[in-house]
Amino acid sequence: TYRRQCRYNTKRNKQRVVKTPGGRAVFQVLTKTAKGPHCGDCKKALIGLPRLRPVEYARLKKREKHVTRAYGGSRCAKCVRLRIVRAFLIEEQKCVKQVLAEKLSQAKEKEG
């Protein structure tokens, strides 16, 4: 029989039979299994972070809650790399556009 008030087989009310040192078999209440942190962009599980229930993260040190990288603990390495490359290419595009505009203005000055 259950050892707590809830008498239904819900997600939260899971038990496991454990043998005590005295030889009795008793019900031990299990905690819910945690999903763990996921990447905000691609929704994949983040590597290098513990899979805990939300309250448990409050008890961890800061270094245990993230990895030492830009967007560490929030985005995966692949997505961070994509962000950096995208930002670089956008900047390069701006430079190219500026150079083309200068060439066009110089051509107009020579004609005029």
N, C-alpha and C. Protein backbone atom coordinates (compact mmCIF):
# COMPACT_ATOMS: atom_id res chain seq x y z
N THR A 1 0.84 -1.20 0.00
CA THR A 1 0.00 0.00 0.00
C THR A 1 0.88 1.25 0.00
N TYR A 2 0.29 2.36 -0.51
CA TYR A 2 1.02 3.63 -0.53
C TYR A 2 1.26 4.14 0.89
N ARG A 3 2.35 4.86 1.08
CA ARG A 3 2.69 5.35 2.42
C ARG A 3 2.29 6.82 2.60
N ARG A 4 1.74 7.43 1.54
CA ARG A 4 1.34 8.83 1.63
C ARG A 4 -0.15 8.96 1.35
N GLN A 5 -0.64 10.20 1.38
CA GLN A 5 -2.08 10.43 1.26
C GLN A 5 -2.65 10.08 -0.12
N CYS A 6 -1.88 10.41 -1.19
CA CYS A 6 -2.37 10.16 -2.54
C CYS A 6 -2.42 8.65 -2.81
N ARG A 7 -3.59 8.15 -3.18
CA ARG A 7 -3.72 6.70 -3.38
C ARG A 7 -3.98 6.33 -4.85
N TYR A 8 -3.49 7.20 -5.76
CA TYR A 8 -3.66 6.93 -7.19
C TYR A 8 -2.29 6.86 -7.88
N ASN A 9 -2.22 6.09 -8.95
CA ASN A 9 -0.97 5.90 -9.67
C ASN A 9 -0.71 7.06 -10.63
N THR A 10 -0.36 8.21 -10.07
CA THR A 10 -0.09 9.40 -10.88
C THR A 10 1.39 9.49 -11.21
N LYS A 11 1.75 10.48 -12.07
CA LYS A 11 3.16 10.66 -12.45
C LYS A 11 4.03 10.96 -11.24
N ARG A 12 3.50 11.71 -10.31
CA ARG A 12 4.26 12.15 -9.15
C ARG A 12 4.32 11.06 -8.07
N ASN A 13 3.34 10.16 -8.03
CA ASN A 13 3.21 9.19 -6.94
C ASN A 13 3.79 7.83 -7.32
N LYS A 14 5.06 7.82 -7.74
CA LYS A 14 5.69 6.56 -8.13
C LYS A 14 6.50 6.01 -6.95
N GLN A 15 6.46 4.69 -6.79
CA GLN A 15 7.19 4.04 -5.71
C GLN A 15 8.07 2.92 -6.23
N ARG A 16 9.00 2.49 -5.39
CA ARG A 16 9.86 1.37 -5.73
C ARG A 16 10.01 0.51 -4.47
N VAL A 17 10.01 -0.79 -4.64
CA VAL A 17 10.19 -1.69 -3.50
C VAL A 17 11.68 -1.77 -3.17
N VAL A 18 12.02 -1.49 -1.92
CA VAL A 18 13.41 -1.51 -1.47
C VAL A 18 13.51 -2.40 -0.24
N LYS A 19 14.54 -3.24 -0.22
CA LYS A 19 14.77 -4.09 0.94
C LYS A 19 15.53 -3.30 2.00
N THR A 20 15.04 -3.28 3.21
CA THR A 20 15.72 -2.59 4.31
C THR A 20 16.79 -3.51 4.89
N PRO A 21 17.73 -2.96 5.68
CA PRO A 21 18.73 -3.81 6.33
C PRO A 21 18.11 -4.88 7.23
N GLY A 22 16.92 -4.59 7.73
CA GLY A 22 16.24 -5.56 8.60
C GLY A 22 15.58 -6.69 7.83
N GLY A 23 15.58 -6.59 6.49
CA GLY A 23 15.02 -7.66 5.68
C GLY A 23 13.60 -7.40 5.21
N ARG A 24 12.98 -6.28 5.66
CA ARG A 24 11.62 -5.98 5.20
C ARG A 24 11.66 -5.35 3.82
N ALA A 25 10.63 -5.54 3.04
CA ALA A 25 10.48 -4.87 1.74
C ALA A 25 9.51 -3.72 1.93
N VAL A 26 9.98 -2.49 1.69
CA VAL A 26 9.13 -1.31 1.88
C VAL A 26 9.05 -0.51 0.58
N PHE A 27 7.99 0.31 0.48
CA PHE A 27 7.80 1.22 -0.64
C PHE A 27 8.61 2.48 -0.39
N GLN A 28 9.44 2.89 -1.37
CA GLN A 28 10.19 4.14 -1.25
C GLN A 28 9.70 5.06 -2.36
N VAL A 29 9.39 6.31 -2.01
CA VAL A 29 8.85 7.25 -2.98
C VAL A 29 9.96 7.72 -3.91
N LEU A 30 9.69 7.69 -5.22
CA LEU A 30 10.66 8.15 -6.21
C LEU A 30 10.37 9.59 -6.60
N THR A 31 11.43 10.31 -7.00
CA THR A 31 11.23 11.67 -7.50
C THR A 31 11.00 11.60 -9.01
N LYS A 32 10.40 12.63 -9.56
CA LYS A 32 10.15 12.67 -11.00
C LYS A 32 11.49 12.73 -11.74
N THR A 33 11.55 12.12 -12.90
CA THR A 33 12.76 12.23 -13.71
C THR A 33 12.74 13.56 -14.45
N ALA A 34 13.88 14.23 -14.43
CA ALA A 34 13.96 15.57 -15.02
C ALA A 34 14.27 15.49 -16.51
N LYS A 35 13.74 16.46 -17.26
CA LYS A 35 14.04 16.53 -18.69
C LYS A 35 15.40 17.16 -18.93
N GLY A 36 15.80 18.07 -18.08
CA GLY A 36 17.10 18.73 -18.22
C GLY A 36 17.03 19.90 -19.18
N PRO A 37 18.11 20.70 -19.21
CA PRO A 37 18.12 21.90 -20.06
C PRO A 37 18.26 21.57 -21.54
N HIS A 38 17.57 22.36 -22.38
CA HIS A 38 17.62 22.18 -23.83
C HIS A 38 18.02 23.49 -24.50
N CYS A 39 18.55 23.37 -25.70
CA CYS A 39 18.96 24.54 -26.48
C CYS A 39 17.71 25.33 -26.88
N GLY A 40 17.79 26.65 -26.77
CA GLY A 40 16.65 27.50 -27.10
C GLY A 40 16.37 27.58 -28.58
N ASP A 41 17.38 27.29 -29.42
CA ASP A 41 17.19 27.38 -30.87
C ASP A 41 16.75 26.04 -31.47
N CYS A 42 17.57 24.99 -31.26
CA CYS A 42 17.29 23.71 -31.92
C CYS A 42 16.58 22.70 -31.02
N LYS A 43 16.37 23.04 -29.77
CA LYS A 43 15.63 22.22 -28.80
C LYS A 43 16.31 20.89 -28.44
N LYS A 44 17.62 20.75 -28.73
CA LYS A 44 18.33 19.54 -28.35
C LYS A 44 18.81 19.68 -26.90
N ALA A 45 19.02 18.54 -26.23
CA ALA A 45 19.50 18.56 -24.85
C ALA A 45 20.91 19.12 -24.80
N LEU A 46 21.18 19.96 -23.80
CA LEU A 46 22.51 20.56 -23.67
C LEU A 46 23.47 19.58 -22.99
N ILE A 47 24.68 19.49 -23.53
CA ILE A 47 25.69 18.59 -23.00
C ILE A 47 26.47 19.30 -21.90
N GLY A 48 26.84 18.54 -20.87
CA GLY A 48 27.69 19.08 -19.80
C GLY A 48 26.93 19.72 -18.66
N LEU A 49 25.60 19.57 -18.66
CA LEU A 49 24.78 20.13 -17.58
C LEU A 49 23.97 19.01 -16.93
N PRO A 50 23.81 19.07 -15.61
CA PRO A 50 23.06 18.00 -14.93
C PRO A 50 21.57 18.07 -15.24
N ARG A 51 20.92 16.91 -15.29
CA ARG A 51 19.48 16.84 -15.54
C ARG A 51 18.78 16.80 -14.19
N LEU A 52 18.33 17.96 -13.72
CA LEU A 52 17.71 18.07 -12.40
C LEU A 52 16.34 18.68 -12.51
N ARG A 53 15.59 18.57 -11.41
CA ARG A 53 14.31 19.25 -11.32
C ARG A 53 14.58 20.75 -11.14
N PRO A 54 13.65 21.62 -11.55
CA PRO A 54 13.91 23.07 -11.51
C PRO A 54 14.41 23.60 -10.17
N VAL A 55 13.86 23.12 -9.06
CA VAL A 55 14.26 23.62 -7.74
C VAL A 55 15.72 23.27 -7.44
N GLU A 56 16.15 22.11 -7.94
CA GLU A 56 17.51 21.64 -7.64
C GLU A 56 18.58 22.59 -8.21
N TYR A 57 18.30 23.27 -9.32
CA TYR A 57 19.28 24.18 -9.92
C TYR A 57 19.63 25.33 -8.99
N ALA A 58 18.71 25.72 -8.14
CA ALA A 58 18.96 26.82 -7.20
C ALA A 58 20.06 26.45 -6.21
N ARG A 59 20.21 25.16 -5.95
CA ARG A 59 21.20 24.71 -4.97
C ARG A 59 22.59 24.51 -5.57
N LEU A 60 22.68 24.58 -6.90
CA LEU A 60 23.98 24.37 -7.55
C LEU A 60 24.80 25.64 -7.57
N LYS A 61 26.13 25.46 -7.72
CA LYS A 61 27.01 26.60 -7.92
C LYS A 61 26.84 27.10 -9.34
N LYS A 62 27.28 28.35 -9.59
CA LYS A 62 27.12 28.93 -10.92
C LYS A 62 27.88 28.12 -11.98
N ARG A 63 29.07 27.64 -11.61
CA ARG A 63 29.89 26.90 -12.58
C ARG A 63 29.28 25.56 -12.95
N GLU A 64 28.36 25.06 -12.13
CA GLU A 64 27.71 23.78 -12.42
C GLU A 64 26.45 23.95 -13.27
N LYS A 65 26.00 25.21 -13.40
CA LYS A 65 24.76 25.46 -14.13
C LYS A 65 24.98 25.83 -15.59
N HIS A 66 26.23 26.07 -15.99
CA HIS A 66 26.50 26.48 -17.38
C HIS A 66 27.86 25.98 -17.81
N VAL A 67 28.12 26.05 -19.12
CA VAL A 67 29.45 25.72 -19.63
C VAL A 67 30.15 27.03 -19.98
N THR A 68 31.49 27.02 -19.93
CA THR A 68 32.26 28.25 -20.11
C THR A 68 32.40 28.56 -21.60
N ARG A 69 31.39 29.23 -22.13
CA ARG A 69 31.35 29.60 -23.52
C ARG A 69 30.30 30.69 -23.66
N ALA A 70 30.35 31.45 -24.73
CA ALA A 70 29.29 32.42 -25.00
C ALA A 70 27.97 31.66 -25.12
N TYR A 71 26.93 32.14 -24.50
CA TYR A 71 25.61 31.49 -24.46
C TYR A 71 25.66 30.12 -23.79
N GLY A 72 26.66 29.87 -22.94
CA GLY A 72 26.80 28.58 -22.27
C GLY A 72 25.63 28.34 -21.33
N GLY A 73 25.02 27.17 -21.39
CA GLY A 73 23.87 26.84 -20.55
C GLY A 73 22.55 27.28 -21.14
N SER A 74 22.62 27.95 -22.30
CA SER A 74 21.40 28.43 -22.94
C SER A 74 21.28 27.90 -24.37
N ARG A 75 22.40 27.94 -25.11
CA ARG A 75 22.43 27.47 -26.49
C ARG A 75 23.53 26.41 -26.65
N CYS A 76 23.33 25.49 -27.60
CA CYS A 76 24.35 24.46 -27.84
C CYS A 76 25.48 25.06 -28.68
N ALA A 77 26.62 24.36 -28.72
CA ALA A 77 27.81 24.87 -29.41
C ALA A 77 27.55 25.10 -30.90
N LYS A 78 26.78 24.21 -31.51
CA LYS A 78 26.50 24.31 -32.94
C LYS A 78 25.72 25.59 -33.26
N CYS A 79 24.72 25.88 -32.43
CA CYS A 79 23.90 27.08 -32.66
C CYS A 79 24.70 28.35 -32.41
N VAL A 80 25.60 28.33 -31.42
CA VAL A 80 26.46 29.49 -31.14
C VAL A 80 27.37 29.74 -32.34
N ARG A 81 27.95 28.65 -32.89
CA ARG A 81 28.82 28.77 -34.05
C ARG A 81 28.05 29.38 -35.23
N LEU A 82 26.82 28.91 -35.44
CA LEU A 82 25.99 29.45 -36.52
C LEU A 82 25.71 30.94 -36.33
N ARG A 83 25.44 31.34 -35.09
CA ARG A 83 25.17 32.75 -34.78
C ARG A 83 26.38 33.61 -35.11
N ILE A 84 27.57 33.13 -34.71
CA ILE A 84 28.81 33.89 -34.94
C ILE A 84 29.06 34.03 -36.44
N VAL A 85 28.93 32.93 -37.17
CA VAL A 85 29.15 32.96 -38.62
C VAL A 85 28.14 33.88 -39.29
N ARG A 86 26.89 33.80 -38.87
CA ARG A 86 25.84 34.65 -39.46
C ARG A 86 26.16 36.13 -39.25
N ALA A 87 26.55 36.48 -38.01
CA ALA A 87 26.88 37.87 -37.69
C ALA A 87 28.06 38.35 -38.53
N PHE A 88 29.09 37.48 -38.68
CA PHE A 88 30.28 37.82 -39.47
C PHE A 88 29.91 38.07 -40.93
N LEU A 89 29.07 37.18 -41.49
CA LEU A 89 28.69 37.31 -42.90
C LEU A 89 27.86 38.58 -43.14
N ILE A 90 27.01 38.92 -42.19
CA ILE A 90 26.20 40.14 -42.31
C ILE A 90 27.11 41.37 -42.33
N GLU A 91 28.13 41.37 -41.44
CA GLU A 91 29.08 42.48 -41.41
C GLU A 91 29.86 42.56 -42.73
N GLU A 92 30.28 41.41 -43.24
CA GLU A 92 31.01 41.37 -44.52
C GLU A 92 30.14 41.93 -45.64
N GLN A 93 28.86 41.57 -45.62
CA GLN A 93 27.93 42.04 -46.65
C GLN A 93 27.81 43.56 -46.62
N LYS A 94 27.78 44.12 -45.41
CA LYS A 94 27.71 45.58 -45.26
C LYS A 94 28.95 46.24 -45.88
N CYS A 95 30.13 45.64 -45.59
CA CYS A 95 31.38 46.19 -46.14
C CYS A 95 31.38 46.15 -47.66
N VAL A 96 30.94 45.02 -48.23
CA VAL A 96 30.90 44.87 -49.70
C VAL A 96 29.95 45.90 -50.30
N LYS A 97 28.82 46.09 -49.67
CA LYS A 97 27.82 47.06 -50.16
C LYS A 97 28.41 48.47 -50.17
N GLN A 98 29.16 48.78 -49.11
CA GLN A 98 29.78 50.11 -48.98
C GLN A 98 30.83 50.31 -50.08
N VAL A 99 31.65 49.29 -50.34
CA VAL A 99 32.69 49.38 -51.37
C VAL A 99 32.05 49.57 -52.75
N LEU A 100 30.99 48.83 -53.04
CA LEU A 100 30.29 48.96 -54.32
C LEU A 100 29.70 50.36 -54.50
N ALA A 101 29.14 50.89 -53.41
CA ALA A 101 28.57 52.23 -53.46
C ALA A 101 29.65 53.26 -53.76
N GLU A 102 30.84 53.10 -53.15
CA GLU A 102 31.95 54.01 -53.41
C GLU A 102 32.40 53.94 -54.86
N LYS A 103 32.48 52.72 -55.40
CA LYS A 103 32.88 52.55 -56.80
C LYS A 103 31.89 53.23 -57.74
N LEU A 104 30.58 53.06 -57.43
CA LEU A 104 29.56 53.70 -58.27
C LEU A 104 29.67 55.23 -58.23
N SER A 105 29.90 55.76 -57.05
CA SER A 105 30.02 57.23 -56.91
C SER A 105 31.25 57.75 -57.64
N GLN A 106 32.35 57.00 -57.59
CA GLN A 106 33.58 57.40 -58.30
C GLN A 106 33.35 57.36 -59.81
N ALA A 107 32.64 56.34 -60.28
CA ALA A 107 32.34 56.23 -61.71
C ALA A 107 31.49 57.40 -62.18
N LYS A 108 30.55 57.82 -61.38
CA LYS A 108 29.67 58.95 -61.73
C LYS A 108 30.46 60.24 -61.78
N GLU A 109 31.41 60.43 -60.84
CA GLU A 109 32.23 61.63 -60.81
C GLU A 109 33.10 61.72 -62.06
N LYS A 110 33.66 60.58 -62.52
CA LYS A 110 34.51 60.57 -63.71
C LYS A 110 33.70 60.90 -64.95
N GLU A 111 32.44 60.42 -65.01
CA GLU A 111 31.58 60.71 -66.16
C GLU A 111 31.19 62.17 -66.17
N GLY A 112 30.84 62.72 -65.00
CA GLY A 112 30.32 64.07 -64.92
C GLY A 112 31.36 65.14 -64.97
